[in-house]
């Protein structure tokens, strides 16, 4: 999968990234061309995490048959949550980090 640096607009493969900072929920990467640090937009990252948690919570509710009369609703909410997370993963915009 190709990534684009928000600073220099160069395209590079994800395997070309050598420096990755995983100290917080916002994973920061360093551009191999211009050495600028960038990450996914903070708001999009939070929405992505909420979507993943929606899938997790609704799946657990369905597995343990909690409120089984709402299992179709739980499944629908989980599907929407994971679709949002997938769309953000593939089409979310990176932004340069000001340090």
N, C-alpha and C. Protein backbone atom coordinates (compact mmCIF):
# COMPACT_ATOMS: atom_id res chain seq x y z
N UNK A 1 0.84 -1.18 0.00
CA UNK A 1 0.00 0.00 0.00
C UNK A 1 0.88 1.24 0.00
N UNK A 2 0.62 2.15 -0.88
CA UNK A 2 1.40 3.39 -0.99
C UNK A 2 0.88 4.43 -0.01
N UNK A 3 1.80 5.14 0.60
CA UNK A 3 1.45 6.26 1.46
C UNK A 3 2.03 7.53 0.86
N UNK A 4 1.41 8.65 1.19
CA UNK A 4 1.86 9.95 0.70
C UNK A 4 2.23 10.82 1.89
N UNK A 5 3.39 11.43 1.83
CA UNK A 5 3.83 12.34 2.88
C UNK A 5 3.03 13.64 2.76
N UNK A 6 2.45 14.12 3.86
CA UNK A 6 1.69 15.38 3.78
C UNK A 6 2.58 16.60 3.60
N UNK A 7 3.87 16.46 3.83
CA UNK A 7 4.78 17.59 3.72
C UNK A 7 5.37 17.72 2.31
N UNK A 8 6.04 16.66 1.84
CA UNK A 8 6.71 16.74 0.54
C UNK A 8 5.93 16.08 -0.60
N UNK A 9 4.80 15.46 -0.29
CA UNK A 9 3.92 14.82 -1.26
C UNK A 9 4.58 13.67 -2.03
N UNK A 10 5.62 13.07 -1.48
CA UNK A 10 6.24 11.93 -2.14
C UNK A 10 5.48 10.66 -1.77
N UNK A 11 5.40 9.74 -2.73
CA UNK A 11 4.75 8.45 -2.51
C UNK A 11 5.81 7.42 -2.18
N UNK A 12 5.51 6.57 -1.21
CA UNK A 12 6.44 5.51 -0.82
C UNK A 12 5.65 4.35 -0.25
N UNK A 13 6.26 3.19 -0.27
CA UNK A 13 5.61 1.99 0.27
C UNK A 13 5.70 2.01 1.79
N UNK A 14 4.76 1.39 2.43
CA UNK A 14 4.73 1.35 3.89
C UNK A 14 5.96 0.64 4.45
N UNK A 15 6.51 -0.29 3.70
CA UNK A 15 7.70 -1.01 4.18
C UNK A 15 8.97 -0.14 4.15
N UNK A 16 8.92 1.00 3.45
CA UNK A 16 10.06 1.91 3.39
C UNK A 16 10.19 2.77 4.64
N UNK A 17 9.15 2.82 5.45
CA UNK A 17 9.17 3.63 6.67
C UNK A 17 10.03 2.93 7.71
N UNK A 18 11.07 3.59 8.16
CA UNK A 18 12.01 2.99 9.11
C UNK A 18 11.72 3.40 10.55
N UNK A 19 11.30 4.64 10.76
CA UNK A 19 11.08 5.15 12.12
C UNK A 19 9.59 5.28 12.39
N UNK A 20 9.15 4.57 13.43
CA UNK A 20 7.75 4.62 13.85
C UNK A 20 7.72 4.85 15.35
N UNK A 21 6.91 5.82 15.78
CA UNK A 21 6.77 6.14 17.20
C UNK A 21 5.40 5.65 17.67
N UNK A 22 5.39 4.65 18.56
CA UNK A 22 4.14 4.05 19.04
C UNK A 22 3.90 4.36 20.51
N UNK A 23 4.27 5.55 20.97
CA UNK A 23 4.16 5.88 22.39
C UNK A 23 2.74 6.23 22.82
N UNK A 24 1.85 6.55 21.90
CA UNK A 24 0.48 6.91 22.26
C UNK A 24 -0.47 6.19 21.31
N UNK A 25 -1.75 6.52 21.38
CA UNK A 25 -2.69 5.89 20.46
C UNK A 25 -2.53 6.43 19.05
N UNK A 26 -1.85 7.56 18.91
CA UNK A 26 -1.59 8.14 17.61
C UNK A 26 -0.22 7.67 17.13
N UNK A 27 -0.20 6.74 16.19
CA UNK A 27 1.05 6.17 15.70
C UNK A 27 1.68 7.16 14.73
N UNK A 28 2.89 7.60 15.06
CA UNK A 28 3.60 8.57 14.24
C UNK A 28 4.64 7.86 13.38
N UNK A 29 4.74 8.29 12.11
CA UNK A 29 5.70 7.71 11.17
C UNK A 29 6.57 8.82 10.62
N UNK A 30 7.78 8.47 10.21
CA UNK A 30 8.70 9.45 9.65
C UNK A 30 8.87 9.20 8.16
N UNK A 31 8.71 10.26 7.38
CA UNK A 31 8.85 10.17 5.93
C UNK A 31 10.30 9.81 5.58
N UNK A 32 10.51 8.80 4.72
CA UNK A 32 11.88 8.46 4.33
C UNK A 32 12.54 9.51 3.44
N UNK A 33 11.75 10.38 2.79
CA UNK A 33 12.32 11.40 1.90
C UNK A 33 12.73 12.66 2.63
N UNK A 34 11.78 13.27 3.37
CA UNK A 34 12.06 14.58 3.98
C UNK A 34 12.22 14.51 5.50
N UNK A 35 12.11 13.34 6.09
CA UNK A 35 12.29 13.11 7.53
C UNK A 35 11.26 13.82 8.40
N UNK A 36 10.11 14.20 7.84
CA UNK A 36 9.04 14.83 8.60
C UNK A 36 8.19 13.75 9.26
N UNK A 37 7.80 13.99 10.51
CA UNK A 37 6.92 13.05 11.20
C UNK A 37 5.48 13.36 10.83
N UNK A 38 4.67 12.33 10.62
CA UNK A 38 3.26 12.51 10.29
C UNK A 38 2.44 11.38 10.91
N UNK A 39 1.15 11.62 11.03
CA UNK A 39 0.23 10.60 11.53
C UNK A 39 -1.15 10.86 10.95
N UNK A 40 -2.06 9.92 11.17
CA UNK A 40 -3.44 10.08 10.74
C UNK A 40 -4.05 11.23 11.52
N UNK A 41 -4.93 11.96 10.89
CA UNK A 41 -5.63 13.07 11.54
C UNK A 41 -6.19 12.60 12.89
N UNK A 42 -5.99 13.39 13.94
CA UNK A 42 -6.35 12.98 15.30
C UNK A 42 -7.84 12.68 15.44
N UNK A 43 -8.69 13.50 14.84
CA UNK A 43 -10.14 13.29 14.92
C UNK A 43 -10.52 11.98 14.23
N UNK A 44 -9.94 11.72 13.06
CA UNK A 44 -10.24 10.49 12.34
C UNK A 44 -9.77 9.27 13.13
N UNK A 45 -8.63 9.38 13.81
CA UNK A 45 -8.12 8.26 14.59
C UNK A 45 -9.07 7.94 15.75
N UNK A 46 -9.61 8.94 16.39
CA UNK A 46 -10.54 8.71 17.50
C UNK A 46 -11.82 8.08 16.98
N UNK A 47 -12.33 8.54 15.83
CA UNK A 47 -13.52 7.95 15.24
C UNK A 47 -13.26 6.49 14.85
N UNK A 48 -12.07 6.21 14.34
CA UNK A 48 -11.69 4.85 13.97
C UNK A 48 -11.68 3.94 15.20
N UNK A 49 -11.13 4.41 16.29
CA UNK A 49 -11.09 3.62 17.53
C UNK A 49 -12.50 3.38 18.06
N UNK A 50 -13.36 4.39 17.99
CA UNK A 50 -14.75 4.23 18.42
C UNK A 50 -15.45 3.18 17.56
N UNK A 51 -15.20 3.18 16.26
CA UNK A 51 -15.79 2.18 15.37
C UNK A 51 -15.36 0.77 15.71
N UNK A 52 -14.08 0.60 16.04
CA UNK A 52 -13.58 -0.72 16.42
C UNK A 52 -14.19 -1.16 17.75
N UNK A 53 -14.30 -0.23 18.71
CA UNK A 53 -14.93 -0.57 19.98
C UNK A 53 -16.41 -0.91 19.81
N UNK A 54 -17.10 -0.24 18.91
CA UNK A 54 -18.50 -0.59 18.64
C UNK A 54 -18.62 -2.03 18.17
N UNK A 55 -17.73 -2.43 17.27
CA UNK A 55 -17.74 -3.81 16.79
C UNK A 55 -17.46 -4.77 17.93
N UNK A 56 -16.47 -4.46 18.76
CA UNK A 56 -16.10 -5.34 19.86
C UNK A 56 -17.24 -5.49 20.86
N UNK A 57 -17.81 -4.39 21.28
CA UNK A 57 -18.87 -4.42 22.29
C UNK A 57 -20.11 -5.13 21.76
N UNK A 58 -20.52 -4.79 20.55
CA UNK A 58 -21.72 -5.43 20.02
C UNK A 58 -21.50 -6.92 19.74
N UNK A 59 -20.29 -7.30 19.35
CA UNK A 59 -19.99 -8.72 19.15
C UNK A 59 -20.06 -9.48 20.47
N UNK A 60 -19.50 -8.90 21.52
CA UNK A 60 -19.56 -9.56 22.83
C UNK A 60 -21.00 -9.68 23.34
N UNK A 61 -21.80 -8.65 23.11
CA UNK A 61 -23.21 -8.72 23.51
C UNK A 61 -23.94 -9.83 22.76
N UNK A 62 -23.62 -10.01 21.48
CA UNK A 62 -24.25 -11.08 20.70
C UNK A 62 -23.74 -12.46 21.11
N UNK A 63 -22.45 -12.58 21.40
CA UNK A 63 -21.88 -13.87 21.79
C UNK A 63 -22.49 -14.36 23.10
N UNK A 64 -22.62 -13.47 24.06
CA UNK A 64 -23.12 -13.88 25.37
C UNK A 64 -24.64 -13.77 25.48
N UNK A 65 -25.33 -13.53 24.36
CA UNK A 65 -26.80 -13.44 24.30
C UNK A 65 -27.38 -12.48 25.32
N UNK A 66 -26.74 -11.37 25.53
CA UNK A 66 -27.26 -10.33 26.39
C UNK A 66 -28.26 -9.52 25.57
N UNK A 67 -29.47 -9.42 26.06
CA UNK A 67 -30.55 -8.74 25.34
C UNK A 67 -30.68 -9.34 23.93
N UNK A 68 -30.89 -10.64 23.85
CA UNK A 68 -30.89 -11.35 22.57
C UNK A 68 -31.96 -10.84 21.60
N UNK A 69 -32.99 -10.16 22.11
CA UNK A 69 -34.00 -9.63 21.20
C UNK A 69 -33.46 -8.46 20.36
N UNK A 70 -32.33 -7.93 20.77
CA UNK A 70 -31.70 -6.83 20.03
C UNK A 70 -30.48 -7.28 19.23
N UNK A 71 -30.32 -8.57 19.01
CA UNK A 71 -29.11 -9.05 18.34
C UNK A 71 -28.97 -8.51 16.92
N UNK A 72 -30.07 -8.33 16.21
CA UNK A 72 -29.99 -7.76 14.87
C UNK A 72 -29.53 -6.30 14.92
N UNK A 73 -30.00 -5.57 15.91
CA UNK A 73 -29.57 -4.17 16.08
C UNK A 73 -28.09 -4.11 16.43
N UNK A 74 -27.65 -5.00 17.34
CA UNK A 74 -26.24 -5.04 17.72
C UNK A 74 -25.36 -5.37 16.51
N UNK A 75 -25.80 -6.33 15.71
CA UNK A 75 -25.03 -6.71 14.52
C UNK A 75 -24.93 -5.55 13.54
N UNK A 76 -26.02 -4.83 13.37
CA UNK A 76 -26.02 -3.68 12.44
C UNK A 76 -25.09 -2.58 12.93
N UNK A 77 -25.13 -2.29 14.23
CA UNK A 77 -24.25 -1.26 14.80
C UNK A 77 -22.79 -1.67 14.67
N UNK A 78 -22.50 -2.94 14.93
CA UNK A 78 -21.13 -3.43 14.78
C UNK A 78 -20.65 -3.34 13.35
N UNK A 79 -21.51 -3.66 12.39
CA UNK A 79 -21.15 -3.57 10.98
C UNK A 79 -20.86 -2.13 10.58
N UNK A 80 -21.68 -1.21 11.02
CA UNK A 80 -21.45 0.21 10.72
C UNK A 80 -20.13 0.67 11.35
N UNK A 81 -19.87 0.25 12.58
CA UNK A 81 -18.64 0.65 13.26
C UNK A 81 -17.40 0.18 12.53
N UNK A 82 -17.39 -1.07 12.09
CA UNK A 82 -16.19 -1.58 11.42
C UNK A 82 -16.07 -1.01 10.01
N UNK A 83 -17.19 -0.72 9.34
CA UNK A 83 -17.11 -0.07 8.02
C UNK A 83 -16.49 1.32 8.13
N UNK A 84 -16.88 2.06 9.17
CA UNK A 84 -16.29 3.38 9.40
C UNK A 84 -14.79 3.25 9.64
N UNK A 85 -14.39 2.27 10.45
CA UNK A 85 -12.97 2.08 10.74
C UNK A 85 -12.18 1.70 9.49
N UNK A 86 -12.74 0.86 8.64
CA UNK A 86 -12.06 0.45 7.41
C UNK A 86 -11.94 1.62 6.44
N UNK A 87 -12.99 2.39 6.29
CA UNK A 87 -12.94 3.55 5.38
C UNK A 87 -11.89 4.55 5.84
N UNK A 88 -11.84 4.81 7.14
CA UNK A 88 -10.84 5.75 7.66
C UNK A 88 -9.43 5.20 7.47
N UNK A 89 -9.26 3.89 7.66
CA UNK A 89 -7.94 3.29 7.49
C UNK A 89 -7.42 3.47 6.08
N UNK A 90 -8.26 3.26 5.08
CA UNK A 90 -7.80 3.32 3.70
C UNK A 90 -7.87 4.70 3.06
N UNK A 91 -8.77 5.56 3.54
CA UNK A 91 -8.94 6.85 2.88
C UNK A 91 -8.69 8.05 3.80
N UNK A 92 -8.24 7.81 5.03
CA UNK A 92 -7.98 8.91 5.96
C UNK A 92 -6.77 9.73 5.56
N UNK A 93 -6.78 10.99 5.91
CA UNK A 93 -5.71 11.91 5.54
C UNK A 93 -4.65 11.98 6.64
N UNK A 94 -3.40 11.89 6.24
CA UNK A 94 -2.30 12.08 7.17
C UNK A 94 -2.02 13.57 7.30
N UNK A 95 -1.48 13.94 8.47
CA UNK A 95 -1.10 15.33 8.67
C UNK A 95 0.29 15.38 9.31
N UNK A 96 1.05 16.39 8.94
CA UNK A 96 2.39 16.56 9.49
C UNK A 96 2.29 16.98 10.95
N UNK A 97 3.25 16.53 11.74
CA UNK A 97 3.27 16.84 13.16
C UNK A 97 4.24 18.00 13.40
N UNK A 98 3.76 19.01 14.06
CA UNK A 98 4.62 20.15 14.40
C UNK A 98 5.31 19.86 15.73
N UNK A 99 6.64 19.78 15.70
CA UNK A 99 7.40 19.52 16.94
C UNK A 99 8.26 20.67 17.30
